Protein backbone atom coordinates (compact mmCIF):
# COMPACT_ATOMS: atom_id res chain seq x y z
CA MET A 1 -12.29 6.67 -31.51
CA ALA A 2 -14.74 7.13 -28.65
CA ILE A 3 -14.16 3.53 -27.69
CA LEU A 4 -10.46 3.97 -26.97
CA GLU A 5 -11.27 7.18 -25.18
CA LEU A 6 -13.97 5.38 -22.63
CA LEU A 7 -11.61 2.08 -22.23
CA SER A 8 -9.06 4.15 -21.71
CA LEU A 9 -11.58 6.05 -18.76
CA ALA A 10 -12.42 3.09 -17.75
CA ILE A 11 -8.80 2.22 -16.90
CA ARG A 12 -8.28 5.44 -15.01
CA GLY A 13 -10.84 4.99 -12.92
CA LEU A 14 -10.25 1.26 -12.12
CA GLN A 15 -6.30 2.46 -11.78
CA PHE A 16 -8.01 5.25 -9.14
CA LEU A 17 -10.11 2.56 -7.32
CA PHE A 18 -7.64 0.57 -6.36
CA ALA A 19 -5.71 3.33 -5.87
CA ILE A 20 -8.18 4.83 -2.73
CA ILE A 21 -8.50 0.60 -1.61
CA VAL A 22 -5.03 0.10 -0.83
CA LEU A 23 -4.53 3.95 -0.15
CA GLY A 24 -7.72 2.93 2.94
CA LEU A 25 -5.95 -0.48 3.71
CA THR A 26 -1.84 0.76 4.54
CA GLY A 27 -3.81 4.35 6.39
CA HIS A 28 -5.07 1.41 8.07
CA GLY A 29 -1.73 -0.20 8.63
CA THR A 30 0.78 2.41 9.34
CA SER A 31 -1.65 3.96 11.99
CA PRO A 32 -0.34 3.77 15.75
CA ILE A 33 -2.27 0.73 16.79
CA THR A 34 -2.60 -1.14 20.41
CA VAL A 35 -1.56 -4.56 19.92
CA SER A 36 -1.84 -6.99 22.65
CA ILE A 37 1.18 -9.65 23.76
CA PRO A 38 0.67 -12.82 24.39
CA PRO A 39 0.99 -13.82 28.10
CA LYS A 40 3.56 -16.58 27.04
CA THR A 41 6.15 -14.39 25.04
CA GLN A 42 6.84 -11.94 28.22
CA LEU A 43 8.35 -11.31 30.89
CA THR A 44 6.95 -8.88 32.25
CA PRO A 45 3.51 -6.70 32.66
CA PRO A 46 1.65 -5.43 30.79
CA GLN A 47 0.01 -6.76 28.63
CA VAL A 48 -1.05 -4.78 26.01
CA ALA A 49 1.60 -2.09 24.47
CA SER A 50 1.96 0.63 21.93
CA TYR A 51 3.42 -0.52 18.66
CA ALA A 52 3.73 3.55 16.53
CA ASN A 53 6.97 2.49 14.17
CA THR A 54 5.23 2.05 10.74
CA PRO A 55 7.22 -0.72 8.16
CA SER A 56 8.62 1.72 5.90
CA GLN A 57 6.85 -0.54 2.82
CA ASP A 58 3.45 0.24 4.88
CA SER A 59 4.08 3.94 4.26
CA PHE A 60 5.66 3.52 0.24
CA LEU A 61 2.81 1.74 -0.57
CA VAL A 62 0.55 5.37 0.84
CA PHE A 63 2.57 8.03 -0.70
CA VAL A 64 2.29 5.42 -3.96
CA ALA A 65 -1.41 5.41 -3.76
CA ILE A 66 -1.80 9.01 -3.39
CA TRP A 67 0.74 9.43 -6.75
CA THR A 68 -1.07 7.33 -8.37
CA CYS A 69 -4.59 9.38 -8.11
CA LEU A 70 -2.77 12.71 -8.70
CA VAL A 71 -1.07 10.81 -12.41
CA VAL A 72 -4.48 9.31 -13.29
CA LEU A 73 -6.07 13.16 -12.95
CA TYR A 74 -3.24 14.62 -14.85
CA LEU A 75 -3.69 11.87 -17.58
CA GLY A 76 -7.47 12.04 -17.84
CA LEU A 77 -8.27 15.26 -17.50
CA ALA A 78 -5.02 17.13 -18.97
CA PRO A 79 -5.58 15.82 -22.83
CA LYS A 80 -9.55 17.29 -22.56
CA PHE A 81 -9.19 20.08 -20.42
CA LEU A 82 -6.12 21.21 -21.04
CA PRO A 83 -4.34 20.34 -23.77
CA SER A 84 -1.31 22.56 -23.70
CA LEU A 85 -0.30 20.61 -21.02
CA ALA A 86 -0.73 17.12 -21.56
CA ILE A 87 2.96 16.33 -23.70
CA PRO A 88 3.27 12.74 -24.83
CA PHE A 89 6.29 12.13 -23.34
CA ALA A 90 5.53 13.29 -19.69
CA MET A 91 2.55 11.46 -19.77
CA LEU A 92 4.03 7.94 -21.01
CA ALA A 93 6.64 8.56 -18.17
CA LEU A 94 4.36 9.14 -15.60
CA ASP A 95 3.06 6.19 -16.39
CA ALA A 96 5.94 4.32 -16.44
CA LEU A 97 7.16 5.64 -13.36
CA THR A 98 3.46 4.99 -11.47
CA MET A 99 3.89 0.82 -12.75
CA LEU A 100 7.36 0.70 -11.26
CA PHE A 101 6.66 2.32 -7.70
CA TRP A 102 3.33 0.01 -7.69
CA PHE A 103 5.84 -2.98 -8.51
CA ALA A 104 8.35 -1.70 -6.30
CA GLY A 105 5.68 -1.44 -3.69
CA PHE A 106 3.71 -4.25 -3.20
CA ILE A 107 6.54 -6.37 -4.26
CA ALA A 108 8.11 -4.75 -0.45
CA LEU A 109 5.21 -5.07 1.26
CA ALA A 110 4.22 -9.02 0.48
CA VAL A 111 7.90 -9.94 1.63
CA PHE A 112 7.77 -7.59 4.71
CA ASP A 113 3.95 -9.60 5.00
CA ARG A 114 5.90 -13.32 4.08
CA ASP A 115 8.08 -12.70 6.82
CA LEU A 116 5.31 -10.99 9.23
CA HIS A 117 3.70 -14.57 8.89
CA TYR A 118 7.02 -16.59 9.89
CA ASN A 119 9.52 -15.26 12.34
CA TYR A 120 8.57 -11.39 13.95
CA TYR A 121 11.21 -9.12 16.10
CA GLY A 122 10.29 -6.43 17.46
CA TYR A 123 9.86 -4.01 20.10
CA PHE A 124 6.54 -3.59 21.47
CA GLY A 125 6.84 -1.59 24.87
CA GLY A 126 9.83 -1.89 25.61
CA ILE A 127 9.57 -5.35 24.77
CA LEU A 128 11.10 -7.77 22.54
CA TYR A 129 9.15 -9.97 20.65
CA LYS A 130 9.62 -13.30 19.00
CA GLY A 131 7.68 -15.12 16.85
CA GLU A 132 5.09 -14.74 14.83
CA GLY A 133 3.92 -11.01 14.03
CA CYS A 134 0.01 -12.39 13.48
CA ASP A 135 -0.56 -13.54 17.48
CA VAL A 136 0.57 -10.41 17.90
CA ILE A 137 -1.00 -8.01 15.93
CA GLY A 138 -3.69 -9.84 14.97
CA ASN A 139 -5.79 -9.12 12.24
CA LEU A 140 -3.30 -6.55 10.77
CA CYS A 141 -1.82 -8.96 8.55
CA GLY A 142 -5.25 -9.40 6.99
CA VAL A 143 -5.42 -6.46 6.24
CA ILE A 144 -1.59 -5.82 5.09
CA THR A 145 -2.19 -9.35 3.04
CA ALA A 146 -5.24 -7.54 0.81
CA ALA A 147 -2.91 -4.70 -0.12
CA VAL A 148 -0.22 -6.84 -1.28
CA VAL A 149 -3.06 -8.35 -3.35
CA PHE A 150 -4.47 -4.90 -4.35
CA GLY A 151 -0.96 -3.77 -4.80
CA ALA A 152 -0.72 -6.48 -7.41
CA PHE A 153 -4.25 -5.77 -8.76
CA GLU A 154 -4.01 -2.24 -9.28
CA TRP A 155 -0.01 -2.74 -11.15
CA TYR A 156 -1.52 -5.23 -13.40
CA VAL A 157 -4.21 -2.92 -14.50
CA SER A 158 -1.19 0.23 -14.88
CA ARG A 159 1.09 -2.12 -17.29
């Protein structure tokens, strides 16, 4: 019995760690950023525009990471310290819902990431930009890709 409890604790710890990593990555992605627009893509100055609209896929993964932290705390602490609140069907439902959230979140962000790499249309400072989004937002493409990868790991661990 002690081995199963230890394994469960290790899995919950891994879920919590991946959720914190994804929260940091997607939190960076949802923060307002300043981007440099290559001169060939715009008709008017300035060269730097502010982009404050965040993708909904990124914001959803912020929610899912916070949700996971709360659920992992409940699933890890309730059976030991508050057994009357450790309802088996509620715990199963929370675990299943968390798994579904991660699957939907990392797939949606992966599709957004692919579109961002290949064809992106967006307004930056009132200027319509068309082309490869990574030319505009730079290292944020790598952050989004890392969030997708860790989101997939989180989904795999939570299933």
